[in-house]
Amino acid sequence: GTFYADSVKGRFTVSSDNAKNTVFLQMNSLMPEDSAVY
């Protein structure tokens, strides 16, 4: 199951590699207002 805030829906994608205990956040079409500590 995945969930997205409206502000990033369609631009960001969350995925996981369970074998490596790792989660990813793919961020596309980045805008200056996306600047932040993540």
PDB file of all heavy atoms in Angstrom:
ATOM      1  N   GLY A   1       0.805  -1.197   0.000  1.00  0.00           N
ATOM      2  CA  GLY A   1       0.000   0.000   0.000  1.00  0.00           C
ATOM      3  C   GLY A   1       0.848   1.261   0.000  1.00  0.00           C
ATOM      4  O   GLY A   1       1.837   1.358   0.725  1.00  0.00           O
ATOM      5  N   THR A   2       0.476   2.237  -0.818  1.00  0.00           N
ATOM      6  CA  THR A   2       1.164   3.519  -0.885  1.00  0.00           C
ATOM      7  C   THR A   2       0.169   4.655  -0.761  1.00  0.00           C
ATOM      8  O   THR A   2      -0.986   4.542  -1.186  1.00  0.00           O
ATOM      9  CB  THR A   2       1.959   3.673  -2.188  1.00  0.00           C
ATOM     10  OG1 THR A   2       1.071   3.532  -3.308  1.00  0.00           O
ATOM     11  CG2 THR A   2       3.051   2.618  -2.286  1.00  0.00           C
ATOM     12  N   PHE A   3       0.637   5.771  -0.207  1.00  0.00           N
ATOM     13  CA  PHE A   3      -0.189   6.945   0.002  1.00  0.00           C
ATOM     14  C   PHE A   3       0.632   8.181  -0.323  1.00  0.00           C
ATOM     15  O   PHE A   3       1.832   8.232  -0.037  1.00  0.00           O
ATOM     16  CB  PHE A   3      -0.695   7.003   1.450  1.00  0.00           C
ATOM     17  CG  PHE A   3      -1.440   5.769   1.865  1.00  0.00           C
ATOM     18  CD1 PHE A   3      -0.767   4.695   2.421  1.00  0.00           C
ATOM     19  CD2 PHE A   3      -2.810   5.679   1.691  1.00  0.00           C
ATOM     20  CE1 PHE A   3      -1.440   3.548   2.793  1.00  0.00           C
ATOM     21  CE2 PHE A   3      -3.500   4.535   2.061  1.00  0.00           C
ATOM     22  CZ  PHE A   3      -2.812   3.472   2.610  1.00  0.00           C
ATOM     23  N   TYR A   4      -0.025   9.185  -0.905  1.00  0.00           N
ATOM     24  CA  TYR A   4       0.652  10.396  -1.322  1.00  0.00           C
ATOM     25  C   TYR A   4      -0.147  11.622  -0.927  1.00  0.00           C
ATOM     26  O   TYR A   4      -1.377  11.635  -1.002  1.00  0.00           O
ATOM     27  CB  TYR A   4       0.852  10.418  -2.834  1.00  0.00           C
ATOM     28  CG  TYR A   4       1.744   9.318  -3.340  1.00  0.00           C
ATOM     29  CD1 TYR A   4       1.207   8.120  -3.794  1.00  0.00           C
ATOM     30  CD2 TYR A   4       3.122   9.480  -3.371  1.00  0.00           C
ATOM     31  CE1 TYR A   4       2.022   7.110  -4.262  1.00  0.00           C
ATOM     32  CE2 TYR A   4       3.942   8.471  -3.836  1.00  0.00           C
ATOM     33  CZ  TYR A   4       3.389   7.285  -4.281  1.00  0.00           C
ATOM     34  OH  TYR A   4       4.201   6.281  -4.752  1.00  0.00           O
ATOM     35  N   ALA A   5       0.573  12.655  -0.512  1.00  0.00           N
ATOM     36  CA  ALA A   5      -0.048  13.948  -0.309  1.00  0.00           C
ATOM     37  C   ALA A   5      -0.365  14.579  -1.658  1.00  0.00           C
ATOM     38  O   ALA A   5       0.298  14.312  -2.660  1.00  0.00           O
ATOM     39  CB  ALA A   5       0.873  14.863   0.499  1.00  0.00           C
ATOM     40  N   ASP A   6      -1.387  15.422  -1.676  1.00  0.00           N
ATOM     41  CA  ASP A   6      -1.793  16.048  -2.931  1.00  0.00           C
ATOM     42  C   ASP A   6      -0.673  16.860  -3.562  1.00  0.00           C
ATOM     43  O   ASP A   6      -0.590  16.966  -4.791  1.00  0.00           O
ATOM     44  CB  ASP A   6      -3.010  16.943  -2.696  1.00  0.00           C
ATOM     45  CG  ASP A   6      -4.268  16.162  -2.392  1.00  0.00           C
ATOM     46  OD1 ASP A   6      -4.314  14.951  -2.686  1.00  0.00           O
ATOM     47  OD2 ASP A   6      -5.224  16.763  -1.868  1.00  0.00           O
ATOM     48  N   SER A   7       0.199  17.420  -2.739  1.00  0.00           N
ATOM     49  CA  SER A   7       1.246  18.289  -3.251  1.00  0.00           C
ATOM     50  C   SER A   7       2.278  17.564  -4.094  1.00  0.00           C
ATOM     51  O   SER A   7       2.987  18.201  -4.879  1.00  0.00           O
ATOM     52  CB  SER A   7       1.939  19.012  -2.092  1.00  0.00           C
ATOM     53  OG  SER A   7       2.535  18.083  -1.204  1.00  0.00           O
ATOM     54  N   VAL A   8       2.383  16.241  -3.954  1.00  0.00           N
ATOM     55  CA  VAL A   8       3.394  15.482  -4.685  1.00  0.00           C
ATOM     56  C   VAL A   8       2.805  14.384  -5.555  1.00  0.00           C
ATOM     57  O   VAL A   8       3.548  13.714  -6.286  1.00  0.00           O
ATOM     58  CB  VAL A   8       4.440  14.881  -3.735  1.00  0.00           C
ATOM     59  CG1 VAL A   8       5.090  15.974  -2.897  1.00  0.00           C
ATOM     60  CG2 VAL A   8       3.806  13.823  -2.836  1.00  0.00           C
ATOM     61  N   LYS A   9       1.505  14.179  -5.497  1.00  0.00           N
ATOM     62  CA  LYS A   9       0.860  13.133  -6.285  1.00  0.00           C
ATOM     63  C   LYS A   9       1.142  13.341  -7.771  1.00  0.00           C
ATOM     64  O   LYS A   9       0.956  14.428  -8.315  1.00  0.00           O
ATOM     65  CB  LYS A   9      -0.648  13.138  -6.025  1.00  0.00           C
ATOM     66  CG  LYS A   9      -1.428  12.082  -6.787  1.00  0.00           C
ATOM     67  CD  LYS A   9      -1.147  10.694  -6.246  1.00  0.00           C
ATOM     68  CE  LYS A   9      -2.044   9.648  -6.904  1.00  0.00           C
ATOM     69  NZ  LYS A   9      -1.791   8.290  -6.383  1.00  0.00           N
ATOM     70  N   GLY A  10       1.613  12.288  -8.429  1.00  0.00           N
ATOM     71  CA  GLY A  10       1.942  12.363  -9.838  1.00  0.00           C
ATOM     72  C   GLY A  10       3.367  12.747 -10.131  1.00  0.00           C
ATOM     73  O   GLY A  10       3.824  12.579 -11.268  1.00  0.00           O
ATOM     74  N   ARG A  11       4.085  13.275  -9.143  1.00  0.00           N
ATOM     75  CA  ARG A  11       5.484  13.655  -9.317  1.00  0.00           C
ATOM     76  C   ARG A  11       6.435  12.768  -8.521  1.00  0.00           C
ATOM     77  O   ARG A  11       7.535  12.473  -8.982  1.00  0.00           O
ATOM     78  CB  ARG A  11       5.716  15.106  -8.910  1.00  0.00           C
ATOM     79  CG  ARG A  11       4.953  16.114  -9.749  1.00  0.00           C
ATOM     80  CD  ARG A  11       5.444  17.535  -9.457  1.00  0.00           C
ATOM     81  NE  ARG A  11       5.248  17.905  -8.062  1.00  0.00           N
ATOM     82  CZ  ARG A  11       6.214  18.341  -7.251  1.00  0.00           C
ATOM     83  NH1 ARG A  11       7.452  18.477  -7.706  1.00  0.00           N
ATOM     84  NH2 ARG A  11       5.938  18.674  -5.997  1.00  0.00           N
ATOM     85  N   PHE A  12       6.028  12.357  -7.324  1.00  0.00           N
ATOM     86  CA  PHE A  12       6.867  11.545  -6.447  1.00  0.00           C
ATOM     87  C   PHE A  12       6.327  10.122  -6.408  1.00  0.00           C
ATOM     88  O   PHE A  12       5.110   9.904  -6.441  1.00  0.00           O
ATOM     89  CB  PHE A  12       6.891  12.105  -5.029  1.00  0.00           C
ATOM     90  CG  PHE A  12       7.592  13.422  -4.867  1.00  0.00           C
ATOM     91  CD1 PHE A  12       8.004  14.165  -5.955  1.00  0.00           C
ATOM     92  CD2 PHE A  12       7.837  13.916  -3.597  1.00  0.00           C
ATOM     93  CE1 PHE A  12       8.649  15.381  -5.802  1.00  0.00           C
ATOM     94  CE2 PHE A  12       8.484  15.126  -3.417  1.00  0.00           C
ATOM     95  CZ  PHE A  12       8.890  15.864  -4.527  1.00  0.00           C
ATOM     96  N   THR A  13       7.236   9.158  -6.298  1.00  0.00           N
ATOM     97  CA  THR A  13       6.866   7.754  -6.210  1.00  0.00           C
ATOM     98  C   THR A  13       7.675   7.091  -5.109  1.00  0.00           C
ATOM     99  O   THR A  13       8.904   7.192  -5.090  1.00  0.00           O
ATOM    100  CB  THR A  13       7.106   7.015  -7.534  1.00  0.00           C
ATOM    101  OG1 THR A  13       6.383   7.646  -8.591  1.00  0.00           O
ATOM    102  CG2 THR A  13       6.644   5.560  -7.417  1.00  0.00           C
ATOM    103  N   VAL A  14       6.998   6.405  -4.199  1.00  0.00           N
ATOM    104  CA  VAL A  14       7.666   5.691  -3.122  1.00  0.00           C
ATOM    105  C   VAL A  14       7.663   4.198  -3.441  1.00  0.00           C
ATOM    106  O   VAL A  14       6.666   3.666  -3.950  1.00  0.00           O
ATOM    107  CB  VAL A  14       7.000   5.982  -1.761  1.00  0.00           C
ATOM    108  CG1 VAL A  14       5.566   5.466  -1.710  1.00  0.00           C
ATOM    109  CG2 VAL A  14       7.824   5.409  -0.619  1.00  0.00           C
ATOM    110  N   SER A  15       8.775   3.533  -3.169  1.00  0.00           N
ATOM    111  CA  SER A  15       8.905   2.108  -3.426  1.00  0.00           C
ATOM    112  C   SER A  15       9.834   1.506  -2.385  1.00  0.00           C
ATOM    113  O   SER A  15      10.442   2.228  -1.589  1.00  0.00           O
ATOM    114  CB  SER A  15       9.429   1.845  -4.844  1.00  0.00           C
ATOM    115  OG  SER A  15      10.709   2.413  -5.014  1.00  0.00           O
ATOM    116  N   SER A  16       9.960   0.183  -2.384  1.00  0.00           N
ATOM    117  CA  SER A  16      10.793  -0.476  -1.385  1.00  0.00           C
ATOM    118  C   SER A  16      11.497  -1.686  -1.961  1.00  0.00           C
ATOM    119  O   SER A  16      11.043  -2.294  -2.935  1.00  0.00           O
ATOM    120  CB  SER A  16       9.965  -0.901  -0.172  1.00  0.00           C
ATOM    121  OG  SER A  16       9.031  -1.909  -0.518  1.00  0.00           O
ATOM    122  N   ASP A  17      12.623  -2.015  -1.363  1.00  0.00           N
ATOM    123  CA  ASP A  17      13.347  -3.248  -1.616  1.00  0.00           C
ATOM    124  C   ASP A  17      13.426  -3.943  -0.266  1.00  0.00           C
ATOM    125  O   ASP A  17      14.306  -3.653   0.539  1.00  0.00           O
ATOM    126  CB  ASP A  17      14.734  -2.967  -2.186  1.00  0.00           C
ATOM    127  CG  ASP A  17      15.481  -4.236  -2.553  1.00  0.00           C
ATOM    128  OD1 ASP A  17      15.158  -5.318  -2.032  1.00  0.00           O
ATOM    129  OD2 ASP A  17      16.411  -4.145  -3.375  1.00  0.00           O
ATOM    130  N   ASN A  18      12.502  -4.838  -0.016  1.00  0.00           N
ATOM    131  CA  ASN A  18      12.396  -5.439   1.307  1.00  0.00           C
ATOM    132  C   ASN A  18      13.624  -6.266   1.677  1.00  0.00           C
ATOM    133  O   ASN A  18      14.013  -6.316   2.846  1.00  0.00           O
ATOM    134  CB  ASN A  18      11.141  -6.312   1.391  1.00  0.00           C
ATOM    135  CG  ASN A  18       9.869  -5.495   1.417  1.00  0.00           C
ATOM    136  OD1 ASN A  18       9.898  -4.266   1.388  1.00  0.00           O
ATOM    137  ND2 ASN A  18       8.732  -6.184   1.464  1.00  0.00           N
ATOM    138  N   ALA A  19      14.241  -6.910   0.700  1.00  0.00           N
ATOM    139  CA  ALA A  19      15.423  -7.715   0.973  1.00  0.00           C
ATOM    140  C   ALA A  19      16.562  -6.864   1.513  1.00  0.00           C
ATOM    141  O   ALA A  19      17.390  -7.345   2.286  1.00  0.00           O
ATOM    142  CB  ALA A  19      15.864  -8.464  -0.275  1.00  0.00           C
ATOM    143  N   LYS A  20      16.616  -5.604   1.105  1.00  0.00           N
ATOM    144  CA  LYS A  20      17.652  -4.687   1.560  1.00  0.00           C
ATOM    145  C   LYS A  20      17.172  -3.743   2.651  1.00  0.00           C
ATOM    146  O   LYS A  20      17.919  -2.859   3.073  1.00  0.00           O
ATOM    147  CB  LYS A  20      18.194  -3.882   0.383  1.00  0.00           C
ATOM    148  CG  LYS A  20      18.871  -4.729  -0.680  1.00  0.00           C
ATOM    149  CD  LYS A  20      19.427  -3.867  -1.801  1.00  0.00           C
ATOM    150  CE  LYS A  20      20.144  -4.712  -2.837  1.00  0.00           C
ATOM    151  NZ  LYS A  20      20.695  -3.889  -3.944  1.00  0.00           N
ATOM    152  N   ASN A  21      15.927  -3.925   3.097  1.00  0.00           N
ATOM    153  CA  ASN A  21      15.348  -3.075   4.135  1.00  0.00           C
ATOM    154  C   ASN A  21      15.478  -1.596   3.769  1.00  0.00           C
ATOM    155  O   ASN A  21      15.810  -0.749   4.610  1.00  0.00           O
ATOM    156  CB  ASN A  21      16.002  -3.343   5.489  1.00  0.00           C
ATOM    157  CG  ASN A  21      14.982  -3.696   6.564  1.00  0.00           C
ATOM    158  OD1 ASN A  21      14.003  -4.394   6.303  1.00  0.00           O
ATOM    159  ND2 ASN A  21      15.218  -3.211   7.779  1.00  0.00           N
ATOM    160  N   THR A  22      15.180  -1.291   2.515  1.00  0.00           N
ATOM    161  CA  THR A  22      15.380   0.045   1.985  1.00  0.00           C
ATOM    162  C   THR A  22      14.116   0.550   1.308  1.00  0.00           C
ATOM    163  O   THR A  22      13.443  -0.197   0.595  1.00  0.00           O
ATOM    164  CB  THR A  22      16.536   0.066   0.983  1.00  0.00           C
ATOM    165  OG1 THR A  22      17.736  -0.386   1.629  1.00  0.00           O
ATOM    166  CG2 THR A  22      16.766   1.468   0.446  1.00  0.00           C
ATOM    167  N   VAL A  23      13.815   1.825   1.530  1.00  0.00           N
ATOM    168  CA  VAL A  23      12.700   2.504   0.889  1.00  0.00           C
ATOM    169  C   VAL A  23      13.245   3.667   0.074  1.00  0.00           C
ATOM    170  O   VAL A  23      14.193   4.337   0.493  1.00  0.00           O
ATOM    171  CB  VAL A  23      11.675   2.988   1.925  1.00  0.00           C
ATOM    172  CG1 VAL A  23      10.618   3.879   1.279  1.00  0.00           C
ATOM    173  CG2 VAL A  23      11.007   1.799   2.592  1.00  0.00           C
ATOM    174  N   PHE A  24      12.648   3.901  -1.083  1.00  0.00           N
ATOM    175  CA  PHE A  24      13.092   4.944  -1.989  1.00  0.00           C
ATOM    176  C   PHE A  24      11.991   5.978  -2.195  1.00  0.00           C
ATOM    177  O   PHE A  24      10.802   5.681  -2.086  1.00  0.00           O
ATOM    178  CB  PHE A  24      13.476   4.359  -3.345  1.00  0.00           C
ATOM    179  CG  PHE A  24      14.481   3.262  -3.269  1.00  0.00           C
ATOM    180  CD1 PHE A  24      14.078   1.931  -3.271  1.00  0.00           C
ATOM    181  CD2 PHE A  24      15.831   3.537  -3.196  1.00  0.00           C
ATOM    182  CE1 PHE A  24      15.006   0.908  -3.204  1.00  0.00           C
ATOM    183  CE2 PHE A  24      16.771   2.526  -3.124  1.00  0.00           C
ATOM    184  CZ  PHE A  24      16.353   1.207  -3.127  1.00  0.00           C
ATOM    185  N   LEU A  25      12.403   7.187  -2.515  1.00  0.00           N
ATOM    186  CA  LEU A  25      11.485   8.231  -2.940  1.00  0.00           C
ATOM    187  C   LEU A  25      12.024   8.821  -4.235  1.00  0.00           C
ATOM    188  O   LEU A  25      13.023   9.542  -4.220  1.00  0.00           O
ATOM    189  CB  LEU A  25      11.325   9.320  -1.884  1.00  0.00           C
ATOM    190  CG  LEU A  25      10.288  10.394  -2.227  1.00  0.00           C
ATOM    191  CD1 LEU A  25       8.885   9.799  -2.226  1.00  0.00           C
ATOM    192  CD2 LEU A  25      10.371  11.570  -1.253  1.00  0.00           C
ATOM    193  N   GLN A  26      11.378   8.476  -5.339  1.00  0.00           N
ATOM    194  CA  GLN A  26      11.734   9.029  -6.637  1.00  0.00           C
ATOM    195  C   GLN A  26      11.001  10.347  -6.817  1.00  0.00           C
ATOM    196  O   GLN A  26       9.767  10.381  -6.766  1.00  0.00           O
ATOM    197  CB  GLN A  26      11.363   8.058  -7.764  1.00  0.00           C
ATOM    198  CG  GLN A  26      11.658   8.575  -9.163  1.00  0.00           C
ATOM    199  CD  GLN A  26      13.136   8.712  -9.436  1.00  0.00           C
ATOM    200  OE1 GLN A  26      13.916   7.828  -9.099  1.00  0.00           O
ATOM    201  NE2 GLN A  26      13.528   9.829 -10.045  1.00  0.00           N
ATOM    202  N   MET A  27      11.745  11.420  -7.032  1.00  0.00           N
ATOM    203  CA  MET A  27      11.183  12.756  -7.144  1.00  0.00           C
ATOM    204  C   MET A  27      11.451  13.291  -8.542  1.00  0.00           C
ATOM    205  O   MET A  27      12.613  13.459  -8.934  1.00  0.00           O
ATOM    206  CB  MET A  27      11.770  13.690  -6.089  1.00  0.00           C
ATOM    207  CG  MET A  27      11.634  13.160  -4.663  1.00  0.00           C
ATOM    208  SD  MET A  27      12.168  14.366  -3.425  1.00  0.00           S
ATOM    209  CE  MET A  27      13.909  14.505  -3.849  1.00  0.00           C
ATOM    210  N   ASN A  28      10.394  13.561  -9.287  1.00  0.00           N
ATOM    211  CA  ASN A  28      10.485  14.090 -10.638  1.00  0.00           C
ATOM    212  C   ASN A  28       9.838  15.469 -10.718  1.00  0.00           C
ATOM    213  O   ASN A  28       9.076  15.860  -9.841  1.00  0.00           O
ATOM    214  CB  ASN A  28       9.810  13.145 -11.635  1.00  0.00           C
ATOM    215  CG  ASN A  28      10.428  11.773 -11.672  1.00  0.00           C
ATOM    216  OD1 ASN A  28      11.639  11.614 -11.511  1.00  0.00           O
ATOM    217  ND2 ASN A  28       9.598  10.755 -11.903  1.00  0.00           N
ATOM    218  N   SER A  29      10.137  16.174 -11.793  1.00  0.00           N
ATOM    219  CA  SER A  29       9.559  17.500 -12.031  1.00  0.00           C
ATOM    220  C   SER A  29       9.712  18.403 -10.823  1.00  0.00           C
ATOM    221  O   SER A  29       8.767  19.080 -10.390  1.00  0.00           O
ATOM    222  CB  SER A  29       8.082  17.367 -12.427  1.00  0.00           C
ATOM    223  OG  SER A  29       7.932  16.566 -13.579  1.00  0.00           O
ATOM    224  N   LEU A  30      10.903  18.449 -10.279  1.00  0.00           N
ATOM    225  CA  LEU A  30      11.147  19.199  -9.054  1.00  0.00           C
ATOM    226  C   LEU A  30      11.022  20.696  -9.282  1.00  0.00           C
ATOM    227  O   LEU A  30      11.385  21.218 -10.339  1.00  0.00           O
ATOM    228  CB  LEU A  30      12.515  18.859  -8.492  1.00  0.00           C
ATOM    229  CG  LEU A  30      12.596  17.476  -7.842  1.00  0.00           C
ATOM    230  CD1 LEU A  30      14.039  17.055  -7.645  1.00  0.00           C
ATOM    231  CD2 LEU A  30      11.862  17.487  -6.505  1.00  0.00           C
ATOM    232  N   MET A  31      10.518  21.376  -8.268  1.00  0.00           N
ATOM    233  CA  MET A  31      10.296  22.808  -8.296  1.00  0.00           C
ATOM    234  C   MET A  31      11.027  23.459  -7.131  1.00  0.00           C
ATOM    235  O   MET A  31      11.308  22.798  -6.128  1.00  0.00           O
ATOM    236  CB  MET A  31       8.793  23.112  -8.211  1.00  0.00           C
ATOM    237  CG  MET A  31       7.970  22.492  -9.331  1.00  0.00           C
ATOM    238  SD  MET A  31       6.188  22.789  -9.153  1.00  0.00           S
ATOM    239  CE  MET A  31       5.831  21.758  -7.740  1.00  0.00           C
ATOM    240  N   PRO A  32      11.337  24.747  -7.213  1.00  0.00           N
ATOM    241  CA  PRO A  32      12.018  25.413  -6.103  1.00  0.00           C
ATOM    242  C   PRO A  32      11.308  25.245  -4.769  1.00  0.00           C
ATOM    243  O   PRO A  32      11.976  25.138  -3.735  1.00  0.00           O
ATOM    244  CB  PRO A  32      12.061  26.875  -6.548  1.00  0.00           C
ATOM    245  CG  PRO A  32      12.089  26.803  -8.038  1.00  0.00           C
ATOM    246  CD  PRO A  32      11.207  25.636  -8.384  1.00  0.00           C
ATOM    247  N   GLU A  33       9.989  25.202  -4.761  1.00  0.00           N
ATOM    248  CA  GLU A  33       9.251  25.034  -3.517  1.00  0.00           C
ATOM    249  C   GLU A  33       9.401  23.647  -2.912  1.00  0.00           C
ATOM    250  O   GLU A  33       8.950  23.402  -1.794  1.00  0.00           O
ATOM    251  CB  GLU A  33       7.761  25.370  -3.712  1.00  0.00           C
ATOM    252  CG  GLU A  33       7.133  24.680  -4.904  1.00  0.00           C
ATOM    253  CD  GLU A  33       7.086  25.566  -6.132  1.00  0.00           C
ATOM    254  OE1 GLU A  33       8.126  26.183  -6.471  1.00  0.00           O
ATOM    255  OE2 GLU A  33       6.015  25.664  -6.767  1.00  0.00           O
ATOM    256  N   ASP A  34      10.023  22.712  -3.630  1.00  0.00           N
ATOM    257  CA  ASP A  34      10.337  21.403  -3.074  1.00  0.00           C
ATOM    258  C   ASP A  34      11.600  21.424  -2.219  1.00  0.00           C
ATOM    259  O   ASP A  34      11.908  20.422  -1.563  1.00  0.00           O
ATOM    260  CB  ASP A  34      10.508  20.373  -4.190  1.00  0.00           C
ATOM    261  CG  ASP A  34       9.220  20.090  -4.942  1.00  0.00           C
ATOM    262  OD1 ASP A  34       8.162  19.959  -4.298  1.00  0.00           O
ATOM    263  OD2 ASP A  34       9.278  19.981  -6.186  1.00  0.00           O
ATOM    264  N   SER A  35      12.332  22.512  -2.220  1.00  0.00           N
ATOM    265  CA  SER A  35      13.556  22.606  -1.443  1.00  0.00           C
ATOM    266  C   SER A  35      13.249  22.477   0.047  1.00  0.00           C
ATOM    267  O   SER A  35      12.404  23.194   0.586  1.00  0.00           O
ATOM    268  CB  SER A  35      14.269  23.927  -1.714  1.00  0.00           C
ATOM    269  OG  SER A  35      14.659  24.034  -3.067  1.00  0.00           O
ATOM    270  N   ALA A  36      13.939  21.555   0.711  1.00  0.00           N
ATOM    271  CA  ALA A  36      13.702  21.287   2.123  1.00  0.00           C
ATOM    272  C   ALA A  36      14.661  20.200   2.579  1.00  0.00           C
ATOM    273  O   ALA A  36      15.366  19.594   1.775  1.00  0.00           O
ATOM    274  CB  ALA A  36      12.258  20.837   2.357  1.00  0.00           C
ATOM    275  N   VAL A  37      14.666  19.954   3.882  1.00  0.00           N
ATOM    276  CA  VAL A  37      15.302  18.769   4.421  1.00  0.00           C
ATOM    277  C   VAL A  37      14.273  17.648   4.390  1.00  0.00           C
ATOM    278  O   VAL A  37      13.160  17.803   4.902  1.00  0.00           O
ATOM    279  CB  VAL A  37      15.819  18.987   5.850  1.00  0.00           C
ATOM    280  CG1 VAL A  37      16.420  17.698   6.410  1.00  0.00           C
ATOM    281  CG2 VAL A  37      16.865  20.093   5.867  1.00  0.00           C
ATOM    282  N   TYR A  38      14.632  16.522   3.796  1.00  0.00           N
ATOM    283  CA  TYR A  38      13.728  15.390   3.654  1.00  0.00           C
ATOM    284  C   TYR A  38      14.080  14.313   4.672  1.00  0.00           C
ATOM    285  O   TYR A  38      15.244  13.918   4.808  1.00  0.00           O
ATOM    286  CB  TYR A  38      13.803  14.828   2.235  1.00  0.00           C
ATOM    287  CG  TYR A  38      13.058  15.666   1.232  1.00  0.00           C
ATOM    288  CD1 TYR A  38      13.504  16.933   0.888  1.00  0.00           C
ATOM    289  CD2 TYR A  38      11.890  15.188   0.633  1.00  0.00           C
ATOM    290  CE1 TYR A  38      12.810  17.720  -0.015  1.00  0.00           C
ATOM    291  CE2 TYR A  38      11.197  15.959  -0.278  1.00  0.00           C
ATOM    292  CZ  TYR A  38      11.657  17.225  -0.597  1.00  0.00           C
ATOM    293  OH  TYR A  38      10.957  17.993  -1.505  1.00  0.00           O
TER     294      TYR A  38
END
